[in-house]
């Protein structure tokens, strides 16, 4: 059994265990459909774990992180 002693590895394992019953989606920026997965997760309330994130986040995530999400012209917070 390999134990990941890095804090991010421990956090990854903990999040996976805590959210496995809610159908956790695990994605990376290198996945071709990562934005579609995130959009669907926001719509349905499904948890998403975005792995291998560097110092800078992708620009398409800015509205999501700023909570500027709209549905039929109305914002929800």
C-alpha atoms as a PDB file:
ATOM      1  CA  UNK A   1       0.000   0.000   0.000  1.00  0.00           C
ATOM      2  CA  UNK A   2       1.384   3.379  -1.017  1.00  0.00           C
ATOM      3  CA  UNK A   3       0.656   6.289   1.308  1.00  0.00           C
ATOM      4  CA  UNK A   4       0.772   9.775  -0.184  1.00  0.00           C
ATOM      5  CA  UNK A   5       2.373  12.009   2.454  1.00  0.00           C
ATOM      6  CA  UNK A   6       1.919  15.213   0.463  1.00  0.00           C
ATOM      7  CA  UNK A   7      -0.830  17.435   1.890  1.00  0.00           C
ATOM      8  CA  UNK A   8      -2.521  17.748  -1.500  1.00  0.00           C
ATOM      9  CA  UNK A   9      -2.505  13.964  -1.908  1.00  0.00           C
ATOM     10  CA  UNK A  10      -4.085  13.511   1.495  1.00  0.00           C
ATOM     11  CA  UNK A  11      -6.712  16.149   0.708  1.00  0.00           C
ATOM     12  CA  UNK A  12      -7.453  14.511  -2.650  1.00  0.00           C
ATOM     13  CA  UNK A  13      -8.004  11.144  -0.979  1.00  0.00           C
ATOM     14  CA  UNK A  14     -10.196  12.682   1.746  1.00  0.00           C
ATOM     15  CA  UNK A  15     -12.380  14.575  -0.768  1.00  0.00           C
ATOM     16  CA  UNK A  16     -12.807  11.452  -2.911  1.00  0.00           C
ATOM     17  CA  UNK A  17     -13.921   9.448   0.129  1.00  0.00           C
ATOM     18  CA  UNK A  18     -16.272  12.162   1.437  1.00  0.00           C
ATOM     19  CA  UNK A  19     -17.989  12.734  -1.919  1.00  0.00           C
ATOM     20  CA  UNK A  20     -18.023   9.248  -3.458  1.00  0.00           C
ATOM     21  CA  UNK A  21     -21.675   8.748  -2.483  1.00  0.00           C
ATOM     22  CA  UNK A  22     -22.623  11.927  -4.389  1.00  0.00           C
ATOM     23  CA  UNK A  23     -21.084  10.732  -7.677  1.00  0.00           C
ATOM     24  CA  UNK A  24     -17.965  12.901  -7.543  1.00  0.00           C
ATOM     25  CA  UNK A  25     -16.600  13.919 -10.947  1.00  0.00           C
ATOM     26  CA  UNK A  26     -12.780  14.007 -11.046  1.00  0.00           C
ATOM     27  CA  UNK A  27     -11.380  16.095 -13.890  1.00  0.00           C
ATOM     28  CA  UNK A  28      -8.212  17.831 -15.073  1.00  0.00           C
ATOM     29  CA  UNK A  29      -7.711  20.858 -17.308  1.00  0.00           C
ATOM     30  CA  UNK A  30      -6.180  18.481 -19.829  1.00  0.00           C
ATOM     31  CA  UNK A  31      -9.534  16.682 -20.231  1.00  0.00           C
ATOM     32  CA  UNK A  32     -11.181  17.766 -23.471  1.00  0.00           C
ATOM     33  CA  UNK A  33     -14.625  18.056 -21.867  1.00  0.00           C
ATOM     34  CA  UNK A  34     -13.704  19.594 -18.516  1.00  0.00           C
ATOM     35  CA  UNK A  35     -15.906  22.695 -19.041  1.00  0.00           C
ATOM     36  CA  UNK A  36     -18.934  20.574 -19.972  1.00  0.00           C
ATOM     37  CA  UNK A  37     -18.439  18.494 -16.814  1.00  0.00           C
ATOM     38  CA  UNK A  38     -18.238  21.640 -14.679  1.00  0.00           C
ATOM     39  CA  UNK A  39     -21.293  23.209 -16.334  1.00  0.00           C
ATOM     40  CA  UNK A  40     -23.371  20.071 -15.798  1.00  0.00           C
ATOM     41  CA  UNK A  41     -22.172  19.828 -12.191  1.00  0.00           C
ATOM     42  CA  UNK A  42     -23.243  23.418 -11.499  1.00  0.00           C
ATOM     43  CA  UNK A  43     -26.670  22.689 -12.997  1.00  0.00           C
ATOM     44  CA  UNK A  44     -27.201  19.485 -11.026  1.00  0.00           C
ATOM     45  CA  UNK A  45     -25.307  20.188  -7.801  1.00  0.00           C
ATOM     46  CA  UNK A  46     -22.843  17.375  -8.423  1.00  0.00           C
ATOM     47  CA  UNK A  47     -19.438  17.791  -6.735  1.00  0.00           C
ATOM     48  CA  UNK A  48     -16.326  18.177  -8.907  1.00  0.00           C
ATOM     49  CA  UNK A  49     -12.686  17.677  -8.004  1.00  0.00           C
ATOM     50  CA  UNK A  50     -10.373  19.572 -10.352  1.00  0.00           C
ATOM     51  CA  UNK A  51      -6.924  17.990 -10.145  1.00  0.00           C
ATOM     52  CA  UNK A  52      -3.456  19.245 -11.056  1.00  0.00           C
ATOM     53  CA  UNK A  53      -4.333  22.916 -10.756  1.00  0.00           C
ATOM     54  CA  UNK A  54      -1.347  25.238 -11.064  1.00  0.00           C
ATOM     55  CA  UNK A  55      -0.848  28.817  -9.982  1.00  0.00           C
ATOM     56  CA  UNK A  56      -3.202  30.194 -12.640  1.00  0.00           C
ATOM     57  CA  UNK A  57      -6.744  29.003 -13.324  1.00  0.00           C
ATOM     58  CA  UNK A  58      -8.287  28.835 -16.772  1.00  0.00           C
ATOM     59  CA  UNK A  59     -10.132  32.008 -17.832  1.00  0.00           C
ATOM     60  CA  UNK A  60     -13.491  30.245 -18.466  1.00  0.00           C
ATOM     61  CA  UNK A  61     -13.702  29.532 -14.716  1.00  0.00           C
ATOM     62  CA  UNK A  62     -13.675  33.233 -13.745  1.00  0.00           C
ATOM     63  CA  UNK A  63     -17.487  33.716 -13.802  1.00  0.00           C
ATOM     64  CA  UNK A  64     -17.988  30.563 -11.759  1.00  0.00           C
ATOM     65  CA  UNK A  65     -15.443  31.584  -9.148  1.00  0.00           C
ATOM     66  CA  UNK A  66     -16.954  35.083  -8.982  1.00  0.00           C
ATOM     67  CA  UNK A  67     -20.410  33.475  -8.535  1.00  0.00           C
ATOM     68  CA  UNK A  68     -21.666  35.189 -11.691  1.00  0.00           C
ATOM     69  CA  UNK A  69     -23.873  32.304 -12.756  1.00  0.00           C
ATOM     70  CA  UNK A  70     -27.100  33.001 -14.604  1.00  0.00           C
ATOM     71  CA  UNK A  71     -30.087  30.938 -15.585  1.00  0.00           C
ATOM     72  CA  UNK A  72     -32.770  32.432 -17.824  1.00  0.00           C
ATOM     73  CA  UNK A  73     -31.589  35.965 -17.027  1.00  0.00           C
ATOM     74  CA  UNK A  74     -31.640  35.592 -13.242  1.00  0.00           C
ATOM     75  CA  UNK A  75     -28.559  35.158 -11.064  1.00  0.00           C
ATOM     76  CA  UNK A  76     -28.341  32.687  -8.284  1.00  0.00           C
ATOM     77  CA  UNK A  77     -25.933  32.950  -5.367  1.00  0.00           C
END
